Amino acid sequence: MFGMSKKSAEVAPEAIQDSPSAQGGKGRPTPSRKEAEAARKTSIRAPRGSKGGKKAAREQDRLERARAREGMLAGDPRFLPARDQGPVRGFVRDFVDGRYTVAEYFIFMAVVVLLLGFVNNPAVQSFVSIGFFLMATLIVVDTLILLIQLNRRAKKLFPEKSERRGITLYALMRTLQYRRLRMPKPSVERGRKKGK
């Protein structure tokens, strides 16, 4: 009936009893909620190792972090964070680091303006305001020129649009950082391309 053959209907009763489904599916009874929670709490509280083992693991982690930091500072691709990896990001870093940019001094300029803002002299404050707006204009123009040149060069070297995704923002963030504080460290001198 319903397409069952005689052979499949004639299964030995011993085979049915020995099958996993007859034993509950997994060969053991399902623990109650109370038992499962108690087992979970015990595993959380259980010590993960001896004191010496924990100390050795901490020391190993510290050495690995120091090694990774040194590698990142040296520009070793194996230790770079995901946002800095790849030939496109390396090209952007070298392009920005090889130029003199006004934007990297923006932080210093902002601090000077803030300090001079406390001077209660109208002549000084008007001078500071004019200087600030001139400097801001210069930063915007200089950064726009850099980004236009960067995108033109990147189009020639990396024709795939997907490869160039996010390079404008990446270059902008690197431009705003003071050269000595940039991570990874610059690998080219100002005014020179890498390898020259």
N, C-alpha and C. Protein backbone atom coordinates (compact mmCIF):
# COMPACT_ATOMS: atom_id res chain seq x y z
N MET A 1 0.83 -1.19 0.00
CA MET A 1 0.00 0.00 0.00
C MET A 1 0.87 1.25 0.00
N PHE A 2 0.50 2.27 -0.73
CA PHE A 2 1.18 3.55 -0.85
C PHE A 2 2.63 3.36 -1.29
N GLY A 3 2.88 2.45 -2.15
CA GLY A 3 4.19 2.32 -2.79
C GLY A 3 5.23 1.62 -1.95
N MET A 4 4.87 0.99 -0.84
CA MET A 4 5.87 0.27 -0.05
C MET A 4 6.06 -1.11 -0.63
N SER A 5 7.31 -1.44 -0.79
CA SER A 5 7.59 -2.78 -1.32
C SER A 5 7.56 -3.79 -0.19
N LYS A 6 7.49 -5.06 -0.55
CA LYS A 6 7.44 -6.12 0.45
C LYS A 6 8.74 -6.18 1.23
N LYS A 7 9.88 -5.93 0.55
CA LYS A 7 11.18 -6.02 1.22
C LYS A 7 11.33 -4.96 2.31
N SER A 8 10.89 -3.71 2.03
CA SER A 8 11.01 -2.66 3.04
C SER A 8 10.04 -2.87 4.19
N ALA A 9 8.92 -3.56 3.92
CA ALA A 9 7.94 -3.82 4.98
C ALA A 9 8.42 -4.93 5.90
N GLU A 10 9.29 -5.79 5.38
CA GLU A 10 9.76 -6.93 6.16
C GLU A 10 11.08 -6.60 6.85
N VAL A 11 11.13 -5.58 7.67
CA VAL A 11 12.33 -5.21 8.42
C VAL A 11 12.33 -6.00 9.71
N ALA A 12 13.51 -6.49 10.07
CA ALA A 12 13.60 -7.31 11.28
C ALA A 12 13.34 -6.46 12.52
N PRO A 13 12.62 -7.00 13.51
CA PRO A 13 12.33 -6.25 14.73
C PRO A 13 13.59 -5.88 15.51
N GLU A 14 14.67 -6.71 15.41
CA GLU A 14 15.92 -6.40 16.11
C GLU A 14 16.56 -5.12 15.57
N ALA A 15 16.47 -4.93 14.25
CA ALA A 15 17.04 -3.74 13.63
C ALA A 15 16.34 -2.48 14.11
N ILE A 16 15.03 -2.56 14.33
CA ILE A 16 14.28 -1.40 14.80
C ILE A 16 14.70 -1.04 16.22
N GLN A 17 14.89 -2.02 17.06
CA GLN A 17 15.27 -1.77 18.44
C GLN A 17 16.68 -1.19 18.56
N ASP A 18 17.60 -1.63 17.66
CA ASP A 18 18.99 -1.16 17.71
C ASP A 18 19.19 0.18 17.04
N SER A 19 18.21 0.68 16.31
CA SER A 19 18.39 1.94 15.59
C SER A 19 18.44 3.12 16.56
N PRO A 20 19.20 4.23 16.20
CA PRO A 20 19.31 5.39 17.08
C PRO A 20 17.98 6.05 17.39
N SER A 21 17.03 6.01 16.41
CA SER A 21 15.75 6.68 16.65
C SER A 21 14.96 5.97 17.73
N ALA A 22 15.15 4.66 17.86
CA ALA A 22 14.46 3.92 18.91
C ALA A 22 15.05 4.23 20.27
N GLN A 23 16.30 4.67 20.30
CA GLN A 23 16.97 4.98 21.56
C GLN A 23 16.88 6.46 21.93
N GLY A 24 16.10 7.21 21.26
CA GLY A 24 15.97 8.63 21.60
C GLY A 24 16.75 9.52 20.64
N GLY A 25 17.37 8.99 19.60
CA GLY A 25 18.04 9.81 18.59
C GLY A 25 19.50 10.04 18.84
N LYS A 26 19.94 10.20 20.10
CA LYS A 26 21.34 10.51 20.34
C LYS A 26 21.99 9.58 21.35
N GLY A 27 21.28 8.55 21.76
CA GLY A 27 21.86 7.55 22.62
C GLY A 27 21.88 7.92 24.09
N ARG A 28 21.28 9.06 24.46
CA ARG A 28 21.23 9.48 25.86
C ARG A 28 19.99 10.35 26.05
N PRO A 29 19.48 10.40 27.26
CA PRO A 29 18.27 11.21 27.49
C PRO A 29 18.61 12.70 27.47
N THR A 30 17.66 13.51 27.04
CA THR A 30 17.84 14.96 27.03
C THR A 30 17.85 15.48 28.47
N PRO A 31 18.90 16.28 28.84
CA PRO A 31 18.93 16.77 30.22
C PRO A 31 17.83 17.80 30.47
N SER A 32 17.40 17.86 31.70
CA SER A 32 16.39 18.86 32.05
C SER A 32 17.03 20.25 32.03
N ARG A 33 16.20 21.28 32.02
CA ARG A 33 16.72 22.65 32.00
C ARG A 33 17.61 22.92 33.22
N LYS A 34 17.18 22.41 34.37
CA LYS A 34 17.93 22.61 35.61
C LYS A 34 19.33 22.01 35.50
N GLU A 35 19.42 20.79 34.97
CA GLU A 35 20.72 20.12 34.81
C GLU A 35 21.61 20.86 33.82
N ALA A 36 21.01 21.33 32.69
CA ALA A 36 21.78 22.04 31.66
C ALA A 36 22.35 23.34 32.19
N GLU A 37 21.54 24.10 32.95
CA GLU A 37 22.03 25.36 33.52
C GLU A 37 23.12 25.13 34.55
N ALA A 38 22.96 24.07 35.36
CA ALA A 38 23.99 23.76 36.36
C ALA A 38 25.31 23.40 35.68
N ALA A 39 25.25 22.62 34.58
CA ALA A 39 26.47 22.24 33.85
C ALA A 39 27.13 23.46 33.22
N ARG A 40 26.30 24.37 32.70
CA ARG A 40 26.85 25.58 32.08
C ARG A 40 27.56 26.46 33.11
N LYS A 41 26.94 26.64 34.27
CA LYS A 41 27.55 27.47 35.31
C LYS A 41 28.84 26.86 35.82
N THR A 42 28.89 25.55 35.92
CA THR A 42 30.10 24.88 36.37
C THR A 42 31.23 25.09 35.39
N SER A 43 30.92 25.01 34.08
CA SER A 43 31.97 25.19 33.08
C SER A 43 32.48 26.63 33.06
N ILE A 44 31.62 27.61 33.37
CA ILE A 44 32.05 29.02 33.41
C ILE A 44 32.99 29.24 34.59
N ARG A 45 32.63 28.64 35.75
CA ARG A 45 33.43 28.87 36.95
C ARG A 45 34.71 28.06 36.98
N ALA A 46 34.80 27.04 36.16
CA ALA A 46 35.96 26.16 36.23
C ALA A 46 37.22 26.92 35.82
N PRO A 47 38.33 26.74 36.53
CA PRO A 47 39.57 27.44 36.18
C PRO A 47 40.10 26.96 34.85
N ARG A 48 40.63 27.87 34.07
CA ARG A 48 41.10 27.53 32.73
C ARG A 48 42.54 27.05 32.73
N GLY A 49 43.21 27.12 33.81
CA GLY A 49 44.59 26.66 33.86
C GLY A 49 45.21 27.09 35.17
N SER A 50 46.41 26.64 35.38
CA SER A 50 47.10 27.01 36.61
C SER A 50 47.57 28.45 36.55
N LYS A 51 48.03 28.96 37.69
CA LYS A 51 48.52 30.34 37.73
C LYS A 51 49.68 30.54 36.78
N GLY A 52 50.60 29.58 36.79
CA GLY A 52 51.77 29.68 35.91
C GLY A 52 51.38 29.66 34.44
N GLY A 53 50.36 28.83 34.12
CA GLY A 53 49.90 28.75 32.74
C GLY A 53 49.28 30.06 32.27
N LYS A 54 48.50 30.68 33.16
CA LYS A 54 47.88 31.97 32.81
C LYS A 54 48.94 33.05 32.60
N LYS A 55 49.94 33.03 33.48
CA LYS A 55 51.01 34.04 33.39
C LYS A 55 51.79 33.86 32.09
N ALA A 56 52.09 32.61 31.74
CA ALA A 56 52.81 32.33 30.49
C ALA A 56 51.99 32.74 29.27
N ALA A 57 50.66 32.50 29.33
CA ALA A 57 49.79 32.89 28.21
C ALA A 57 49.74 34.40 28.06
N ARG A 58 49.66 35.13 29.20
CA ARG A 58 49.66 36.60 29.15
C ARG A 58 50.96 37.12 28.56
N GLU A 59 52.08 36.53 28.96
CA GLU A 59 53.39 36.95 28.45
C GLU A 59 53.49 36.69 26.94
N GLN A 60 52.97 35.53 26.53
CA GLN A 60 52.97 35.18 25.10
C GLN A 60 52.13 36.19 24.30
N ASP A 61 50.96 36.55 24.84
CA ASP A 61 50.10 37.53 24.17
C ASP A 61 50.79 38.88 24.07
N ARG A 62 51.48 39.27 25.15
CA ARG A 62 52.18 40.56 25.16
C ARG A 62 53.28 40.58 24.11
N LEU A 63 54.02 39.47 24.00
CA LEU A 63 55.10 39.40 22.99
C LEU A 63 54.53 39.43 21.58
N GLU A 64 53.40 38.75 21.37
CA GLU A 64 52.78 38.75 20.04
C GLU A 64 52.27 40.13 19.65
N ARG A 65 51.68 40.84 20.63
CA ARG A 65 51.21 42.21 20.36
C ARG A 65 52.37 43.14 20.04
N ALA A 66 53.48 42.99 20.77
CA ALA A 66 54.66 43.83 20.52
C ALA A 66 55.22 43.54 19.13
N ARG A 67 55.25 42.26 18.76
CA ARG A 67 55.76 41.88 17.43
C ARG A 67 54.86 42.43 16.32
N ALA A 68 53.55 42.34 16.56
CA ALA A 68 52.59 42.86 15.56
C ALA A 68 52.72 44.37 15.42
N ARG A 69 52.93 45.07 16.55
CA ARG A 69 53.09 46.54 16.50
C ARG A 69 54.35 46.92 15.75
N GLU A 70 55.46 46.23 16.03
CA GLU A 70 56.71 46.51 15.31
C GLU A 70 56.54 46.26 13.81
N GLY A 71 55.87 45.16 13.48
CA GLY A 71 55.62 44.85 12.07
C GLY A 71 54.77 45.89 11.39
N MET A 72 53.74 46.39 12.11
CA MET A 72 52.87 47.42 11.54
C MET A 72 53.63 48.72 11.34
N LEU A 73 54.47 49.09 12.33
CA LEU A 73 55.26 50.32 12.21
C LEU A 73 56.23 50.23 11.04
N ALA A 74 56.75 49.03 10.80
CA ALA A 74 57.70 48.84 9.70
C ALA A 74 56.99 48.74 8.35
N GLY A 75 55.64 48.63 8.37
CA GLY A 75 54.89 48.53 7.12
C GLY A 75 54.80 47.13 6.56
N ASP A 76 55.09 46.11 7.39
CA ASP A 76 55.01 44.71 6.96
C ASP A 76 53.55 44.38 6.66
N PRO A 77 53.23 43.96 5.42
CA PRO A 77 51.83 43.72 5.04
C PRO A 77 51.12 42.69 5.92
N ARG A 78 51.87 41.74 6.51
CA ARG A 78 51.25 40.70 7.34
C ARG A 78 50.62 41.27 8.61
N PHE A 79 51.13 42.39 9.08
CA PHE A 79 50.68 42.94 10.36
C PHE A 79 49.79 44.17 10.21
N LEU A 80 49.51 44.58 8.99
CA LEU A 80 48.68 45.78 8.78
C LEU A 80 47.22 45.47 9.08
N PRO A 81 46.48 46.43 9.64
CA PRO A 81 45.03 46.23 9.81
C PRO A 81 44.35 46.12 8.45
N ALA A 82 43.14 45.60 8.45
CA ALA A 82 42.42 45.36 7.19
C ALA A 82 42.26 46.63 6.36
N ARG A 83 42.07 47.79 7.00
CA ARG A 83 41.86 49.04 6.26
C ARG A 83 43.11 49.50 5.53
N ASP A 84 44.31 49.02 5.95
CA ASP A 84 45.56 49.44 5.33
C ASP A 84 46.15 48.40 4.38
N GLN A 85 45.49 47.28 4.19
CA GLN A 85 46.05 46.20 3.39
C GLN A 85 45.77 46.39 1.90
N GLY A 86 46.65 45.81 1.11
CA GLY A 86 46.47 45.79 -0.33
C GLY A 86 47.32 46.81 -1.06
N PRO A 87 47.58 46.55 -2.34
CA PRO A 87 48.43 47.45 -3.13
C PRO A 87 47.82 48.83 -3.37
N VAL A 88 46.49 48.91 -3.43
CA VAL A 88 45.83 50.20 -3.68
C VAL A 88 46.04 51.12 -2.48
N ARG A 89 45.85 50.58 -1.26
CA ARG A 89 46.04 51.40 -0.06
C ARG A 89 47.51 51.78 0.10
N GLY A 90 48.42 50.88 -0.28
CA GLY A 90 49.84 51.21 -0.24
C GLY A 90 50.18 52.35 -1.19
N PHE A 91 49.57 52.32 -2.38
CA PHE A 91 49.78 53.40 -3.35
C PHE A 91 49.27 54.73 -2.80
N VAL A 92 48.09 54.71 -2.18
CA VAL A 92 47.51 55.94 -1.61
C VAL A 92 48.42 56.51 -0.53
N ARG A 93 48.91 55.63 0.36
CA ARG A 93 49.81 56.09 1.44
C ARG A 93 51.06 56.74 0.86
N ASP A 94 51.67 56.09 -0.13
CA ASP A 94 52.90 56.63 -0.72
C ASP A 94 52.63 57.94 -1.45
N PHE A 95 51.46 58.03 -2.10
CA PHE A 95 51.12 59.26 -2.83
C PHE A 95 50.96 60.43 -1.85
N VAL A 96 50.26 60.20 -0.75
CA VAL A 96 50.03 61.26 0.24
C VAL A 96 51.33 61.59 0.97
N ASP A 97 52.08 60.57 1.37
CA ASP A 97 53.31 60.79 2.15
C ASP A 97 54.42 61.45 1.34
N GLY A 98 54.35 61.32 0.02
CA GLY A 98 55.38 61.92 -0.83
C GLY A 98 55.15 63.39 -1.14
N ARG A 99 54.09 63.96 -0.59
CA ARG A 99 53.76 65.37 -0.85
C ARG A 99 53.83 66.22 0.40
N TYR A 100 54.05 67.51 0.20
CA TYR A 100 53.88 68.49 1.28
C TYR A 100 52.42 68.88 1.27
N THR A 101 51.75 68.75 2.40
CA THR A 101 50.33 69.12 2.47
C THR A 101 50.12 70.11 3.61
N VAL A 102 49.20 71.03 3.38
CA VAL A 102 48.87 72.04 4.38
C VAL A 102 47.95 71.43 5.44
N ALA A 103 47.14 70.46 5.05
CA ALA A 103 46.12 69.91 5.94
C ALA A 103 46.70 69.25 7.19
N GLU A 104 47.93 68.73 7.09
CA GLU A 104 48.49 68.04 8.27
C GLU A 104 48.78 69.01 9.42
N TYR A 105 48.85 70.31 9.12
CA TYR A 105 49.11 71.30 10.17
C TYR A 105 47.83 71.92 10.71
N PHE A 106 46.68 71.40 10.27
CA PHE A 106 45.40 71.96 10.69
C PHE A 106 45.23 71.91 12.21
N ILE A 107 45.62 70.80 12.83
CA ILE A 107 45.46 70.64 14.29
C ILE A 107 46.23 71.73 15.04
N PHE A 108 47.48 71.96 14.61
CA PHE A 108 48.30 72.98 15.27
C PHE A 108 47.69 74.37 15.10
N MET A 109 47.20 74.60 13.88
CA MET A 109 46.58 75.89 13.60
C MET A 109 45.32 76.10 14.47
N ALA A 110 44.54 75.03 14.63
CA ALA A 110 43.32 75.12 15.45
C ALA A 110 43.66 75.41 16.91
N VAL A 111 44.74 74.81 17.41
CA VAL A 111 45.16 75.04 18.80
C VAL A 111 45.59 76.50 18.98
N VAL A 112 46.35 77.03 18.00
CA VAL A 112 46.81 78.43 18.08
C VAL A 112 45.62 79.38 18.06
N VAL A 113 44.64 79.10 17.19
CA VAL A 113 43.44 79.95 17.10
C VAL A 113 42.68 79.91 18.41
N LEU A 114 42.58 78.72 19.00
CA LEU A 114 41.87 78.58 20.27
C LEU A 114 42.55 79.39 21.37
N LEU A 115 43.87 79.32 21.44
CA LEU A 115 44.61 80.07 22.46
C LEU A 115 44.52 81.57 22.25
N LEU A 116 44.65 81.99 20.98
CA LEU A 116 44.57 83.43 20.69
C LEU A 116 43.16 83.97 20.88
N GLY A 117 42.17 83.07 20.88
CA GLY A 117 40.78 83.49 21.10
C GLY A 117 40.56 84.03 22.51
N PHE A 118 41.45 83.65 23.43
CA PHE A 118 41.34 84.14 24.82
C PHE A 118 41.93 85.55 24.99
N VAL A 119 42.68 86.01 23.98
CA VAL A 119 43.27 87.36 24.05
C VAL A 119 42.16 88.37 23.85
N ASN A 120 42.00 89.25 24.79
CA ASN A 120 40.91 90.23 24.74
C ASN A 120 41.36 91.51 24.03
N ASN A 121 41.70 91.35 22.76
CA ASN A 121 42.15 92.48 21.95
C ASN A 121 41.48 92.37 20.59
N PRO A 122 40.65 93.35 20.21
CA PRO A 122 39.92 93.27 18.94
C PRO A 122 40.83 93.14 17.72
N ALA A 123 41.99 93.81 17.74
CA ALA A 123 42.91 93.74 16.59
C ALA A 123 43.46 92.32 16.43
N VAL A 124 43.85 91.70 17.55
CA VAL A 124 44.39 90.32 17.49
C VAL A 124 43.30 89.36 17.04
N GLN A 125 42.09 89.53 17.54
CA GLN A 125 41.02 88.61 17.19
C GLN A 125 40.61 88.72 15.73
N SER A 126 40.60 89.93 15.20
CA SER A 126 40.28 90.08 13.77
C SER A 126 41.39 89.48 12.90
N PHE A 127 42.65 89.67 13.32
CA PHE A 127 43.78 89.09 12.60
C PHE A 127 43.70 87.56 12.62
N VAL A 128 43.36 87.00 13.77
CA VAL A 128 43.25 85.55 13.91
C VAL A 128 42.12 85.02 13.03
N SER A 129 41.00 85.70 13.02
CA SER A 129 39.85 85.26 12.20
C SER A 129 40.19 85.25 10.72
N ILE A 130 40.83 86.32 10.25
CA ILE A 130 41.21 86.41 8.83
C ILE A 130 42.23 85.32 8.51
N GLY A 131 43.22 85.15 9.40
CA GLY A 131 44.24 84.12 9.19
C GLY A 131 43.64 82.72 9.16
N PHE A 132 42.68 82.47 10.04
CA PHE A 132 42.05 81.16 10.09
C PHE A 132 41.30 80.85 8.79
N PHE A 133 40.53 81.84 8.30
CA PHE A 133 39.77 81.60 7.07
C PHE A 133 40.69 81.44 5.86
N LEU A 134 41.78 82.20 5.82
CA LEU A 134 42.74 82.04 4.73
C LEU A 134 43.39 80.66 4.75
N MET A 135 43.77 80.22 5.95
CA MET A 135 44.39 78.91 6.09
C MET A 135 43.41 77.79 5.73
N ALA A 136 42.15 77.93 6.16
CA ALA A 136 41.13 76.93 5.84
C ALA A 136 40.90 76.84 4.34
N THR A 137 40.87 78.00 3.67
CA THR A 137 40.71 78.02 2.21
C THR A 137 41.89 77.34 1.53
N LEU A 138 43.10 77.63 1.99
CA LEU A 138 44.31 77.02 1.44
C LEU A 138 44.29 75.50 1.62
N ILE A 139 43.83 75.03 2.79
CA ILE A 139 43.74 73.59 3.06
C ILE A 139 42.76 72.93 2.10
N VAL A 140 41.59 73.55 1.91
CA VAL A 140 40.57 72.97 1.03
C VAL A 140 41.08 72.88 -0.40
N VAL A 141 41.70 73.95 -0.90
CA VAL A 141 42.20 73.97 -2.29
C VAL A 141 43.31 72.94 -2.45
N ASP A 142 44.27 72.91 -1.52
CA ASP A 142 45.39 71.97 -1.59
C ASP A 142 44.90 70.52 -1.55
N THR A 143 43.94 70.24 -0.67
CA THR A 143 43.42 68.87 -0.54
C THR A 143 42.65 68.46 -1.79
N LEU A 144 41.86 69.38 -2.36
CA LEU A 144 41.12 69.06 -3.59
C LEU A 144 42.08 68.72 -4.74
N ILE A 145 43.16 69.49 -4.87
CA ILE A 145 44.15 69.22 -5.91
C ILE A 145 44.77 67.84 -5.70
N LEU A 146 45.12 67.53 -4.45
CA LEU A 146 45.72 66.22 -4.13
C LEU A 146 44.76 65.09 -4.49
N LEU A 147 43.47 65.23 -4.11
CA LEU A 147 42.51 64.16 -4.37
C LEU A 147 42.24 63.97 -5.85
N ILE A 148 42.20 65.07 -6.62
CA ILE A 148 41.99 64.96 -8.07
C ILE A 148 43.17 64.23 -8.71
N GLN A 149 44.39 64.63 -8.35
CA GLN A 149 45.58 63.98 -8.90
C GLN A 149 45.64 62.51 -8.49
N LEU A 150 45.32 62.23 -7.25
CA LEU A 150 45.34 60.85 -6.75
C LEU A 150 44.37 59.97 -7.53
N ASN A 151 43.14 60.45 -7.72
CA ASN A 151 42.14 59.64 -8.42
C ASN A 151 42.51 59.42 -9.89
N ARG A 152 43.13 60.42 -10.52
CA ARG A 152 43.58 60.24 -11.91
C ARG A 152 44.65 59.15 -12.01
N ARG A 153 45.65 59.24 -11.11
CA ARG A 153 46.73 58.24 -11.10
C ARG A 153 46.19 56.85 -10.77
N ALA A 154 45.28 56.79 -9.80
CA ALA A 154 44.73 55.49 -9.37
C ALA A 154 43.92 54.84 -10.50
N LYS A 155 43.21 55.65 -11.30
CA LYS A 155 42.44 55.11 -12.43
C LYS A 155 43.35 54.44 -13.45
N LYS A 156 44.52 55.03 -13.67
CA LYS A 156 45.46 54.46 -14.64
C LYS A 156 46.08 53.17 -14.10
N LEU A 157 46.46 53.18 -12.83
CA LEU A 157 47.14 52.02 -12.25
C LEU A 157 46.19 50.89 -11.88
N PHE A 158 44.97 51.24 -11.45
CA PHE A 158 44.00 50.24 -11.00
C PHE A 158 42.68 50.48 -11.75
N PRO A 159 42.55 49.92 -12.94
CA PRO A 159 41.36 50.23 -13.76
C PRO A 159 40.04 49.74 -13.17
N GLU A 160 40.08 48.68 -12.36
CA GLU A 160 38.84 48.17 -11.76
C GLU A 160 38.29 49.16 -10.72
N LYS A 161 37.04 49.54 -10.89
CA LYS A 161 36.43 50.52 -9.98
C LYS A 161 36.32 49.98 -8.55
N SER A 162 36.07 48.65 -8.44
CA SER A 162 35.93 48.04 -7.11
C SER A 162 37.22 48.12 -6.30
N GLU A 163 38.37 48.11 -6.99
CA GLU A 163 39.66 48.20 -6.29
C GLU A 163 39.87 49.58 -5.67
N ARG A 164 39.31 50.61 -6.33
CA ARG A 164 39.54 51.99 -5.89
C ARG A 164 38.51 52.48 -4.89
N ARG A 165 37.59 51.61 -4.48
CA ARG A 165 36.52 52.04 -3.57
C ARG A 165 37.10 52.50 -2.23
N GLY A 166 36.73 53.70 -1.79
CA GLY A 166 37.12 54.20 -0.47
C GLY A 166 38.46 54.90 -0.41
N ILE A 167 39.15 55.04 -1.56
CA ILE A 167 40.50 55.63 -1.50
C ILE A 167 40.47 57.13 -1.22
N THR A 168 39.41 57.81 -1.64
CA THR A 168 39.33 59.25 -1.40
C THR A 168 39.26 59.56 0.09
N LEU A 169 38.39 58.85 0.79
CA LEU A 169 38.27 59.05 2.24
C LEU A 169 39.56 58.62 2.96
N TYR A 170 40.15 57.51 2.50
CA TYR A 170 41.39 57.02 3.10
C TYR A 170 42.50 58.07 2.96
N ALA A 171 42.62 58.64 1.75
CA ALA A 171 43.64 59.67 1.50
C ALA A 171 43.37 60.92 2.32
N LEU A 172 42.10 61.30 2.43
CA LEU A 172 41.74 62.49 3.20
C LEU A 172 42.12 62.32 4.68
N MET A 173 41.81 61.16 5.25
CA MET A 173 42.14 60.92 6.66
C MET A 173 43.66 60.92 6.87
N ARG A 174 44.39 60.37 5.92
CA ARG A 174 45.86 60.34 6.06
C ARG A 174 46.44 61.74 5.89
N THR A 175 45.85 62.54 5.02
CA THR A 175 46.32 63.91 4.80
C THR A 175 46.17 64.76 6.05
N LEU A 176 45.09 64.54 6.81
CA LEU A 176 44.83 65.34 8.00
C LEU A 176 45.73 64.95 9.19
N GLN A 177 46.43 63.81 9.09
CA GLN A 177 47.30 63.39 10.19
C GLN A 177 48.68 64.01 10.03
N TYR A 178 49.27 64.39 11.15
CA TYR A 178 50.64 64.91 11.12
C TYR A 178 51.56 63.78 10.68
N ARG A 179 52.50 64.09 9.78
CA ARG A 179 53.32 63.06 9.14
C ARG A 179 53.99 62.11 10.14
N ARG A 180 54.54 62.64 11.22
CA ARG A 180 55.25 61.79 12.18
C ARG A 180 54.33 60.87 12.97
N LEU A 181 53.04 61.19 13.01
CA LEU A 181 52.09 60.38 13.77
C LEU A 181 51.30 59.41 12.89
N ARG A 182 51.59 59.38 11.60
CA ARG A 182 50.84 58.51 10.70
C ARG A 182 51.18 57.04 10.94
N MET A 183 50.14 56.21 10.86
CA MET A 183 50.30 54.77 10.99
C MET A 183 49.64 54.10 9.80
N PRO A 184 50.34 53.21 9.11
CA PRO A 184 51.75 52.83 9.20
C PRO A 184 52.65 54.00 8.87
N LYS A 185 53.89 53.92 9.32
CA LYS A 185 54.85 55.01 9.12
C LYS A 185 55.08 55.24 7.63
N PRO A 186 55.31 56.50 7.22
CA PRO A 186 55.60 56.78 5.81
C PRO A 186 56.85 56.03 5.35
N SER A 187 56.78 55.47 4.14
CA SER A 187 57.92 54.73 3.60
C SER A 187 58.59 55.47 2.45
N VAL A 188 58.12 56.69 2.16
CA VAL A 188 58.75 57.52 1.12
C VAL A 188 59.09 58.88 1.70
N GLU A 189 60.10 59.50 1.13
CA GLU A 189 60.46 60.87 1.54
C GLU A 189 59.57 61.85 0.82
N ARG A 190 59.43 63.03 1.39
CA ARG A 190 58.62 64.06 0.73
C ARG A 190 59.27 64.46 -0.60
N GLY A 191 58.43 64.62 -1.59
CA GLY A 191 58.93 65.06 -2.90
C GLY A 191 59.57 63.95 -3.71
N ARG A 192 59.59 62.72 -3.18
CA ARG A 192 60.20 61.61 -3.91
C ARG A 192 59.25 60.43 -3.93
N LYS A 193 59.28 59.70 -5.04
CA LYS A 193 58.46 58.48 -5.13
C LYS A 193 59.24 57.32 -4.56
N LYS A 194 58.51 56.29 -4.15
CA LYS A 194 59.13 55.11 -3.56
C LYS A 194 60.05 54.44 -4.58
N GLY A 195 61.24 54.04 -4.10
CA GLY A 195 62.18 53.34 -4.96
C GLY A 195 63.14 54.25 -5.65
N LYS A 196 63.01 55.60 -5.48
CA LYS A 196 63.93 56.52 -6.14
C LYS A 196 65.00 56.97 -5.18
